[in-house]
Amino acid sequence: MTLNKARQIIVKPIVTEKSTLLREQHNKYTFDVVPHANKIEIAKAVEILFTVKVEKVSMINRKGKIKKLGRYQGRRPGFKRAICTLAEGEKIELFEGA
C-alpha cells in the first residue's frame, strides 16, 4: 500500500472525551475512515501513516439519522469509524499534543 492510498483510507482522527479515555486507558486510537475500507486496509494505512504496530481494529458503521423539515424528509450521511489498538509501548504523537 502506498502513502497516497493510506491517506485516502484514513479521513481524519477523532478527538472526543470517549476517544481520549480509550487512548489513555487502553492505547486505542479512533479514526474516521472511508465506508468501503476493511480492517486489513485500515491497519496497514495506520501503520504506514504513523509508523506504529497495530494489533487489532474494531469498526463502527453508523447510518445517518432521518431528519424532517415540514413535510420533507431527508437523511444525514452515515459514517464509519475505526478503533485501532496499538502494540504495547506504541503511541501516535499527533494525538498527544504539542
Foldseek 3Di string as FASTA:
>chain_A
DDLVVLPQFFPAWDDDPVQVCCCVPQVKTKTWGDPVDDFVSNQVSCCVVQVFHWDDKDKDWFAFDWDDDVPDIDTDHTTMMIITHTDPPDHGVVVVDD
